[in-house]
Amino acid sequence: MLEIQYAIGDAFGPRMQEAVARFGDSGSAKHSPLCTQMADFGPPTHSPRYMVQHGMTAFTGREGDGVLDDFDLVESWEVLLEEYLQFG
């Protein structure tokens, strides 16, 4: 995100606020359909390989696919919907 900010310059903040505003506040007419669509999509099924290879693992040298051994995909998805998107 920081690289985008530098590329866009001073317009970054207002443009991000505009983009986020399109989805409205929690429970709004715009927000609810977005949350419903995200819930219908379900949790991601792709491998996080790229993010792991180019994220902290690249610096720490940790082996494996980067997913924590006790990671619960379904629970994490529900937390994302409820707490981050405030769907419900």
PDB file of N, CA and C in Angstrom:
ATOM      1  N   MET A   1       0.827  -1.188   0.000  1.00  0.00           N
ATOM      2  CA  MET A   1       0.000   0.000   0.000  1.00  0.00           C
ATOM      3  C   MET A   1       0.870   1.251   0.000  1.00  0.00           C
ATOM      4  N   LEU A   2       1.987   1.178   0.685  1.00  0.00           N
ATOM      5  CA  LEU A   2       2.879   2.326   0.763  1.00  0.00           C
ATOM      6  C   LEU A   2       3.423   2.694  -0.610  1.00  0.00           C
ATOM      7  N   GLU A   3       3.721   1.695  -1.427  1.00  0.00           N
ATOM      8  CA  GLU A   3       4.225   1.973  -2.775  1.00  0.00           C
ATOM      9  C   GLU A   3       3.165   2.692  -3.608  1.00  0.00           C
ATOM     10  N   ILE A   4       1.918   2.311  -3.428  1.00  0.00           N
ATOM     11  CA  ILE A   4       0.827   2.975  -4.148  1.00  0.00           C
ATOM     12  C   ILE A   4       0.744   4.428  -3.700  1.00  0.00           C
ATOM     13  N   GLN A   5       0.860   4.640  -2.393  1.00  0.00           N
ATOM     14  CA  GLN A   5       0.803   5.993  -1.863  1.00  0.00           C
ATOM     15  C   GLN A   5       1.874   6.871  -2.485  1.00  0.00           C
ATOM     16  N   TYR A   6       3.095   6.343  -2.599  1.00  0.00           N
ATOM     17  CA  TYR A   6       4.170   7.121  -3.203  1.00  0.00           C
ATOM     18  C   TYR A   6       3.918   7.363  -4.692  1.00  0.00           C
ATOM     19  N   ALA A   7       3.364   6.385  -5.373  1.00  0.00           N
ATOM     20  CA  ALA A   7       3.107   6.528  -6.799  1.00  0.00           C
ATOM     21  C   ALA A   7       2.032   7.576  -7.073  1.00  0.00           C
ATOM     22  N   ILE A   8       1.012   7.628  -6.225  1.00  0.00           N
ATOM     23  CA  ILE A   8      -0.103   8.550  -6.433  1.00  0.00           C
ATOM     24  C   ILE A   8       0.193   9.920  -5.842  1.00  0.00           C
ATOM     25  N   GLY A   9       0.998   9.954  -4.796  1.00  0.00           N
ATOM     26  CA  GLY A   9       1.350  11.228  -4.168  1.00  0.00           C
ATOM     27  C   GLY A   9       0.267  11.722  -3.226  1.00  0.00           C
ATOM     28  N   ASP A  10       0.092  13.038  -3.208  1.00  0.00           N
ATOM     29  CA  ASP A  10      -0.844  13.665  -2.267  1.00  0.00           C
ATOM     30  C   ASP A  10      -2.296  13.263  -2.506  1.00  0.00           C
ATOM     31  N   ALA A  11      -2.601  12.754  -3.678  1.00  0.00           N
ATOM     32  CA  ALA A  11      -3.975  12.360  -3.993  1.00  0.00           C
ATOM     33  C   ALA A  11      -4.356  11.033  -3.350  1.00  0.00           C
ATOM     34  N   PHE A  12      -3.373  10.318  -2.763  1.00  0.00           N
ATOM     35  CA  PHE A  12      -3.633   8.984  -2.224  1.00  0.00           C
ATOM     36  C   PHE A  12      -4.737   8.988  -1.165  1.00  0.00           C
ATOM     37  N   GLY A  13      -4.595   9.818  -0.153  1.00  0.00           N
ATOM     38  CA  GLY A  13      -5.563   9.849   0.946  1.00  0.00           C
ATOM     39  C   GLY A  13      -6.987  10.090   0.467  1.00  0.00           C
ATOM     40  N   PRO A  14      -7.224  11.180  -0.246  1.00  0.00           N
ATOM     41  CA  PRO A  14      -8.578  11.445  -0.729  1.00  0.00           C
ATOM     42  C   PRO A  14      -9.119  10.351  -1.657  1.00  0.00           C
ATOM     43  N   ARG A  15      -8.259   9.772  -2.487  1.00  0.00           N
ATOM     44  CA  ARG A  15      -8.729   8.720  -3.394  1.00  0.00           C
ATOM     45  C   ARG A  15      -9.101   7.460  -2.626  1.00  0.00           C
ATOM     46  N   MET A  16      -8.324   7.121  -1.598  1.00  0.00           N
ATOM     47  CA  MET A  16      -8.666   5.957  -0.775  1.00  0.00           C
ATOM     48  C   MET A  16      -9.964   6.198  -0.014  1.00  0.00           C
ATOM     49  N   GLN A  17     -10.139   7.380   0.531  1.00  0.00           N
ATOM     50  CA  GLN A  17     -11.380   7.697   1.244  1.00  0.00           C
ATOM     51  C   GLN A  17     -12.578   7.596   0.304  1.00  0.00           C
ATOM     52  N   GLU A  18     -12.409   8.056  -0.913  1.00  0.00           N
ATOM     53  CA  GLU A  18     -13.485   7.976  -1.912  1.00  0.00           C
ATOM     54  C   GLU A  18     -13.823   6.521  -2.234  1.00  0.00           C
ATOM     55  N   ALA A  19     -12.797   5.699  -2.387  1.00  0.00           N
ATOM     56  CA  ALA A  19     -13.012   4.284  -2.698  1.00  0.00           C
ATOM     57  C   ALA A  19     -13.741   3.579  -1.562  1.00  0.00           C
ATOM     58  N   VAL A  20     -13.319   3.830  -0.331  1.00  0.00           N
ATOM     59  CA  VAL A  20     -13.950   3.200   0.824  1.00  0.00           C
ATOM     60  C   VAL A  20     -15.375   3.706   0.992  1.00  0.00           C
ATOM     61  N   ALA A  21     -15.613   4.983   0.738  1.00  0.00           N
ATOM     62  CA  ALA A  21     -16.947   5.568   0.897  1.00  0.00           C
ATOM     63  C   ALA A  21     -17.969   4.921  -0.043  1.00  0.00           C
ATOM     64  N   ARG A  22     -17.516   4.371  -1.156  1.00  0.00           N
ATOM     65  CA  ARG A  22     -18.445   3.720  -2.089  1.00  0.00           C
ATOM     66  C   ARG A  22     -19.160   2.540  -1.458  1.00  0.00           C
ATOM     67  N   PHE A  23     -18.547   1.950  -0.431  1.00  0.00           N
ATOM     68  CA  PHE A  23     -19.151   0.785   0.209  1.00  0.00           C
ATOM     69  C   PHE A  23     -20.027   1.159   1.388  1.00  0.00           C
ATOM     70  N   GLY A  24     -20.026   2.403   1.795  1.00  0.00           N
ATOM     71  CA  GLY A  24     -20.909   2.875   2.851  1.00  0.00           C
ATOM     72  C   GLY A  24     -20.544   2.372   4.233  1.00  0.00           C
ATOM     73  N   ASP A  25     -21.261   2.887   5.205  1.00  0.00           N
ATOM     74  CA  ASP A  25     -21.071   2.482   6.592  1.00  0.00           C
ATOM     75  C   ASP A  25     -21.751   1.148   6.851  1.00  0.00           C
ATOM     76  N   SER A  26     -21.370   0.510   7.940  1.00  0.00           N
ATOM     77  CA  SER A  26     -21.938  -0.768   8.328  1.00  0.00           C
ATOM     78  C   SER A  26     -23.458  -0.696   8.350  1.00  0.00           C
ATOM     79  N   GLY A  27     -24.094  -1.629   7.671  1.00  0.00           N
ATOM     80  CA  GLY A  27     -25.551  -1.688   7.625  1.00  0.00           C
ATOM     81  C   GLY A  27     -26.201  -0.803   6.576  1.00  0.00           C
ATOM     82  N   SER A  28     -25.412  -0.023   5.851  1.00  0.00           N
ATOM     83  CA  SER A  28     -25.986   0.875   4.846  1.00  0.00           C
ATOM     84  C   SER A  28     -26.439   0.094   3.622  1.00  0.00           C
ATOM     85  N   ALA A  29     -27.139   0.766   2.760  1.00  0.00           N
ATOM     86  CA  ALA A  29     -27.657   0.134   1.544  1.00  0.00           C
ATOM     87  C   ALA A  29     -26.528  -0.353   0.631  1.00  0.00           C
ATOM     88  N   LYS A  30     -25.368   0.254   0.700  1.00  0.00           N
ATOM     89  CA  LYS A  30     -24.225  -0.175  -0.115  1.00  0.00           C
ATOM     90  C   LYS A  30     -23.397  -1.237   0.597  1.00  0.00           C
ATOM     91  N   HIS A  31     -23.306  -1.137   1.901  1.00  0.00           N
ATOM     92  CA  HIS A  31     -22.449  -2.030   2.680  1.00  0.00           C
ATOM     93  C   HIS A  31     -23.024  -3.446   2.745  1.00  0.00           C
ATOM     94  N   SER A  32     -24.298  -3.565   2.971  1.00  0.00           N
ATOM     95  CA  SER A  32     -24.922  -4.884   3.135  1.00  0.00           C
ATOM     96  C   SER A  32     -24.754  -5.779   1.906  1.00  0.00           C
ATOM     97  N   PRO A  33     -24.994  -5.274   0.693  1.00  0.00           N
ATOM     98  CA  PRO A  33     -24.781  -6.138  -0.480  1.00  0.00           C
ATOM     99  C   PRO A  33     -23.333  -6.588  -0.635  1.00  0.00           C
ATOM    100  N   LEU A  34     -22.382  -5.720  -0.312  1.00  0.00           N
ATOM    101  CA  LEU A  34     -20.970  -6.092  -0.380  1.00  0.00           C
ATOM    102  C   LEU A  34     -20.699  -7.243   0.586  1.00  0.00           C
ATOM    103  N   CYS A  35     -21.182  -7.119   1.814  1.00  0.00           N
ATOM    104  CA  CYS A  35     -20.957  -8.158   2.817  1.00  0.00           C
ATOM    105  C   CYS A  35     -21.620  -9.470   2.412  1.00  0.00           C
ATOM    106  N   THR A  36     -22.820  -9.381   1.870  1.00  0.00           N
ATOM    107  CA  THR A  36     -23.518 -10.583   1.419  1.00  0.00           C
ATOM    108  C   THR A  36     -22.723 -11.274   0.321  1.00  0.00           C
ATOM    109  N   GLN A  37     -22.209 -10.497  -0.612  1.00  0.00           N
ATOM    110  CA  GLN A  37     -21.416 -11.065  -1.696  1.00  0.00           C
ATOM    111  C   GLN A  37     -20.144 -11.704  -1.155  1.00  0.00           C
ATOM    112  N   MET A  38     -19.477 -11.050  -0.218  1.00  0.00           N
ATOM    113  CA  MET A  38     -18.268 -11.620   0.365  1.00  0.00           C
ATOM    114  C   MET A  38     -18.583 -12.923   1.099  1.00  0.00           C
ATOM    115  N   ALA A  39     -19.686 -12.949   1.835  1.00  0.00           N
ATOM    116  CA  ALA A  39     -20.083 -14.171   2.548  1.00  0.00           C
ATOM    117  C   ALA A  39     -20.369 -15.289   1.551  1.00  0.00           C
ATOM    118  N   ASP A  40     -21.007 -14.947   0.432  1.00  0.00           N
ATOM    119  CA  ASP A  40     -21.302 -15.947  -0.605  1.00  0.00           C
ATOM    120  C   ASP A  40     -20.024 -16.481  -1.256  1.00  0.00           C
ATOM    121  N   PHE A  41     -19.030 -15.623  -1.413  1.00  0.00           N
ATOM    122  CA  PHE A  41     -17.750 -16.062  -1.989  1.00  0.00           C
ATOM    123  C   PHE A  41     -17.113 -17.136  -1.115  1.00  0.00           C
ATOM    124  N   GLY A  42     -17.223 -16.955   0.175  1.00  0.00           N
ATOM    125  CA  GLY A  42     -16.582 -17.876   1.101  1.00  0.00           C
ATOM    126  C   GLY A  42     -15.108 -17.578   1.229  1.00  0.00           C
ATOM    127  N   PRO A  43     -14.437 -18.315   2.112  1.00  0.00           N
ATOM    128  CA  PRO A  43     -13.014 -18.052   2.331  1.00  0.00           C
ATOM    129  C   PRO A  43     -12.192 -18.348   1.080  1.00  0.00           C
ATOM    130  N   PRO A  44     -11.058 -17.686   0.936  1.00  0.00           N
ATOM    131  CA  PRO A  44     -10.210 -17.917  -0.234  1.00  0.00           C
ATOM    132  C   PRO A  44      -9.706 -19.355  -0.287  1.00  0.00           C
ATOM    133  N   THR A  45      -9.516 -19.840  -1.492  1.00  0.00           N
ATOM    134  CA  THR A  45      -9.030 -21.208  -1.677  1.00  0.00           C
ATOM    135  C   THR A  45      -7.642 -21.230  -2.304  1.00  0.00           C
ATOM    136  N   HIS A  46      -7.109 -20.057  -2.607  1.00  0.00           N
ATOM    137  CA  HIS A  46      -5.780 -19.998  -3.238  1.00  0.00           C
ATOM    138  C   HIS A  46      -4.680 -20.151  -2.194  1.00  0.00           C
ATOM    139  N   SER A  47      -3.531 -20.498  -2.660  1.00  0.00           N
ATOM    140  CA  SER A  47      -2.359 -20.636  -1.798  1.00  0.00           C
ATOM    141  C   SER A  47      -1.766 -19.258  -1.527  1.00  0.00           C
ATOM    142  N   PRO A  48      -1.336 -19.001  -0.293  1.00  0.00           N
ATOM    143  CA  PRO A  48      -0.712 -17.707   0.007  1.00  0.00           C
ATOM    144  C   PRO A  48       0.765 -17.679  -0.377  1.00  0.00           C
ATOM    145  N   ARG A  49       1.191 -18.581  -1.239  1.00  0.00           N
ATOM    146  CA  ARG A  49       2.605 -18.753  -1.565  1.00  0.00           C
ATOM    147  C   ARG A  49       3.309 -17.441  -1.932  1.00  0.00           C
ATOM    148  N   TYR A  50       2.724 -16.652  -2.818  1.00  0.00           N
ATOM    149  CA  TYR A  50       3.389 -15.424  -3.250  1.00  0.00           C
ATOM    150  C   TYR A  50       3.605 -14.483  -2.072  1.00  0.00           C
ATOM    151  N   MET A  51       2.560 -14.291  -1.257  1.00  0.00           N
ATOM    152  CA  MET A  51       2.680 -13.385  -0.117  1.00  0.00           C
ATOM    153  C   MET A  51       3.709 -13.903   0.875  1.00  0.00           C
ATOM    154  N   VAL A  52       3.768 -15.208   1.039  1.00  0.00           N
ATOM    155  CA  VAL A  52       4.724 -15.805   1.969  1.00  0.00           C
ATOM    156  C   VAL A  52       6.147 -15.632   1.435  1.00  0.00           C
ATOM    157  N   GLN A  53       6.347 -15.943   0.173  1.00  0.00           N
ATOM    158  CA  GLN A  53       7.682 -15.860  -0.416  1.00  0.00           C
ATOM    159  C   GLN A  53       8.216 -14.431  -0.439  1.00  0.00           C
ATOM    160  N   HIS A  54       7.328 -13.465  -0.554  1.00  0.00           N
ATOM    161  CA  HIS A  54       7.762 -12.082  -0.680  1.00  0.00           C
ATOM    162  C   HIS A  54       7.428 -11.258   0.556  1.00  0.00           C
ATOM    163  N   GLY A  55       6.934 -11.906   1.593  1.00  0.00           N
ATOM    164  CA  GLY A  55       6.605 -11.221   2.838  1.00  0.00           C
ATOM    165  C   GLY A  55       7.676 -11.462   3.879  1.00  0.00           C
ATOM    166  N   MET A  56       7.245 -11.639   5.110  1.00  0.00           N
ATOM    167  CA  MET A  56       8.191 -11.784   6.213  1.00  0.00           C
ATOM    168  C   MET A  56       9.057 -13.036   6.094  1.00  0.00           C
ATOM    169  N   THR A  57       8.531 -14.089   5.452  1.00  0.00           N
ATOM    170  CA  THR A  57       9.327 -15.303   5.304  1.00  0.00           C
ATOM    171  C   THR A  57      10.616 -15.027   4.527  1.00  0.00           C
ATOM    172  N   ALA A  58      10.549 -14.108   3.606  1.00  0.00           N
ATOM    173  CA  ALA A  58      11.748 -13.756   2.838  1.00  0.00           C
ATOM    174  C   ALA A  58      12.832 -13.202   3.757  1.00  0.00           C
ATOM    175  N   PHE A  59      12.443 -12.596   4.867  1.00  0.00           N
ATOM    176  CA  PHE A  59      13.399 -12.002   5.796  1.00  0.00           C
ATOM    177  C   PHE A  59      13.753 -12.937   6.950  1.00  0.00           C
ATOM    178  N   THR A  60      12.768 -13.719   7.393  1.00  0.00           N
ATOM    179  CA  THR A  60      12.999 -14.571   8.558  1.00  0.00           C
ATOM    180  C   THR A  60      13.552 -15.933   8.200  1.00  0.00           C
ATOM    181  N   GLY A  61      13.333 -16.372   6.947  1.00  0.00           N
ATOM    182  CA  GLY A  61      13.815 -17.676   6.521  1.00  0.00           C
ATOM    183  C   GLY A  61      12.970 -18.832   7.038  1.00  0.00           C
ATOM    184  N   ARG A  62      11.794 -18.545   7.543  1.00  0.00           N
ATOM    185  CA  ARG A  62      10.921 -19.604   8.054  1.00  0.00           C
ATOM    186  C   ARG A  62      10.544 -20.540   6.914  1.00  0.00           C
ATOM    187  N   GLU A  63      10.565 -21.818   7.181  1.00  0.00           N
ATOM    188  CA  GLU A  63      10.228 -22.823   6.169  1.00  0.00           C
ATOM    189  C   GLU A  63       8.725 -23.060   6.136  1.00  0.00           C
ATOM    190  N   GLY A  64       8.271 -23.693   5.061  1.00  0.00           N
ATOM    191  CA  GLY A  64       6.871 -24.078   4.944  1.00  0.00           C
ATOM    192  C   GLY A  64       6.083 -23.111   4.085  1.00  0.00           C
ATOM    193  N   ASP A  65       4.760 -23.277   4.119  1.00  0.00           N
ATOM    194  CA  ASP A  65       3.893 -22.471   3.265  1.00  0.00           C
ATOM    195  C   ASP A  65       3.466 -21.165   3.909  1.00  0.00           C
ATOM    196  N   GLY A  66       3.882 -20.930   5.157  1.00  0.00           N
ATOM    197  CA  GLY A  66       3.575 -19.677   5.823  1.00  0.00           C
ATOM    198  C   GLY A  66       2.284 -19.683   6.612  1.00  0.00           C
ATOM    199  N   VAL A  67       1.480 -20.714   6.445  1.00  0.00           N
ATOM    200  CA  VAL A  67       0.224 -20.796   7.181  1.00  0.00           C
ATOM    201  C   VAL A  67       0.511 -21.421   8.540  1.00  0.00           C
ATOM    202  N   LEU A  68       0.022 -20.783   9.580  1.00  0.00           N
ATOM    203  CA  LEU A  68       0.232 -21.300  10.925  1.00  0.00           C
ATOM    204  C   LEU A  68      -0.385 -22.684  11.056  1.00  0.00           C
ATOM    205  N   ASP A  69       0.274 -23.539  11.815  1.00  0.00           N
ATOM    206  CA  ASP A  69      -0.205 -24.913  11.990  1.00  0.00           C
ATOM    207  C   ASP A  69      -1.618 -24.978  12.552  1.00  0.00           C
ATOM    208  N   ASP A  70      -1.953 -24.065  13.452  1.00  0.00           N
ATOM    209  CA  ASP A  70      -3.276 -24.104  14.080  1.00  0.00           C
ATOM    210  C   ASP A  70      -4.272 -23.138  13.423  1.00  0.00           C
ATOM    211  N   PHE A  71      -3.969 -22.688  12.206  1.00  0.00           N
ATOM    212  CA  PHE A  71      -4.844 -21.747  11.496  1.00  0.00           C
ATOM    213  C   PHE A  71      -6.170 -22.407  11.149  1.00  0.00           C
ATOM    214  N   ASP A  72      -7.264 -21.759  11.519  1.00  0.00           N
ATOM    215  CA  ASP A  72      -8.611 -22.250  11.231  1.00  0.00           C
ATOM    216  C   ASP A  72      -9.222 -21.324  10.184  1.00  0.00           C
ATOM    217  N   LEU A  73      -9.270 -21.788   8.952  1.00  0.00           N
ATOM    218  CA  LEU A  73      -9.737 -20.972   7.832  1.00  0.00           C
ATOM    219  C   LEU A  73     -11.168 -20.498   8.031  1.00  0.00           C
ATOM    220  N   VAL A  74     -12.049 -21.401   8.414  1.00  0.00           N
ATOM    221  CA  VAL A  74     -13.472 -21.043   8.566  1.00  0.00           C
ATOM    222  C   VAL A  74     -13.652 -20.015   9.681  1.00  0.00           C
ATOM    223  N   GLU A  75     -13.004 -20.268  10.811  1.00  0.00           N
ATOM    224  CA  GLU A  75     -13.115 -19.329  11.934  1.00  0.00           C
ATOM    225  C   GLU A  75     -12.549 -17.957  11.554  1.00  0.00           C
ATOM    226  N   SER A  76     -11.413 -17.951  10.883  1.00  0.00           N
ATOM    227  CA  SER A  76     -10.798 -16.687  10.468  1.00  0.00           C
ATOM    228  C   SER A  76     -11.688 -15.929   9.493  1.00  0.00           C
ATOM    229  N   TRP A  77     -12.337 -16.651   8.596  1.00  0.00           N
ATOM    230  CA  TRP A  77     -13.241 -16.020   7.629  1.00  0.00           C
ATOM    231  C   TRP A  77     -14.423 -15.390   8.351  1.00  0.00           C
ATOM    232  N   GLU A  78     -14.971 -16.094   9.333  1.00  0.00           N
ATOM    233  CA  GLU A  78     -16.101 -15.569  10.097  1.00  0.00           C
ATOM    234  C   GLU A  78     -15.693 -14.320  10.881  1.00  0.00           C
ATOM    235  N   VAL A  79     -14.500 -14.337  11.460  1.00  0.00           N
ATOM    236  CA  VAL A  79     -14.000 -13.167  12.183  1.00  0.00           C
ATOM    237  C   VAL A  79     -13.855 -11.985  11.223  1.00  0.00           C
ATOM    238  N   LEU A  80     -13.331 -12.235  10.033  1.00  0.00           N
ATOM    239  CA  LEU A  80     -13.183 -11.176   9.033  1.00  0.00           C
ATOM    240  C   LEU A  80     -14.537 -10.575   8.685  1.00  0.00           C
ATOM    241  N   LEU A  81     -15.529 -11.422   8.452  1.00  0.00           N
ATOM    242  CA  LEU A  81     -16.862 -10.913   8.098  1.00  0.00           C
ATOM    243  C   LEU A  81     -17.476 -10.129   9.245  1.00  0.00           C
ATOM    244  N   GLU A  82     -17.392 -10.678  10.452  1.00  0.00           N
ATOM    245  CA  GLU A  82     -18.066 -10.056  11.594  1.00  0.00           C
ATOM    246  C   GLU A  82     -17.338  -8.821  12.127  1.00  0.00           C
ATOM    247  N   GLU A  83     -16.023  -8.911  12.279  1.00  0.00           N
ATOM    248  CA  GLU A  83     -15.298  -7.827  12.927  1.00  0.00           C
ATOM    249  C   GLU A  83     -14.748  -6.789  11.954  1.00  0.00           C
ATOM    250  N   TYR A  84     -14.213  -7.246  10.843  1.00  0.00           N
ATOM    251  CA  TYR A  84     -13.618  -6.294   9.901  1.00  0.00           C
ATOM    252  C   TYR A  84     -14.693  -5.667   9.009  1.00  0.00           C
ATOM    253  N   LEU A  85     -15.512  -6.512   8.369  1.00  0.00           N
ATOM    254  CA  LEU A  85     -16.562  -5.977   7.504  1.00  0.00           C
ATOM    255  C   LEU A  85     -17.821  -5.594   8.273  1.00  0.00           C
ATOM    256  N   GLN A  86     -17.915  -6.037   9.519  1.00  0.00           N
ATOM    257  CA  GLN A  86     -19.079  -5.758  10.367  1.00  0.00           C
ATOM    258  C   GLN A  86     -20.369  -6.222   9.711  1.00  0.00           C
ATOM    259  N   PHE A  87     -20.330  -7.474   9.244  1.00  0.00           N
ATOM    260  CA  PHE A  87     -21.481  -8.092   8.586  1.00  0.00           C
ATOM    261  C   PHE A  87     -22.265  -8.873   9.618  1.00  0.00           C
ATOM    262  N   GLY A  88     -23.535  -8.658   9.646  1.00  0.00           N
ATOM    263  CA  GLY A  88     -24.351  -9.442  10.572  1.00  0.00           C
ATOM    264  C   GLY A  88     -25.531  -8.691  11.076  1.00  0.00           C
TER     265      GLY A  88
END
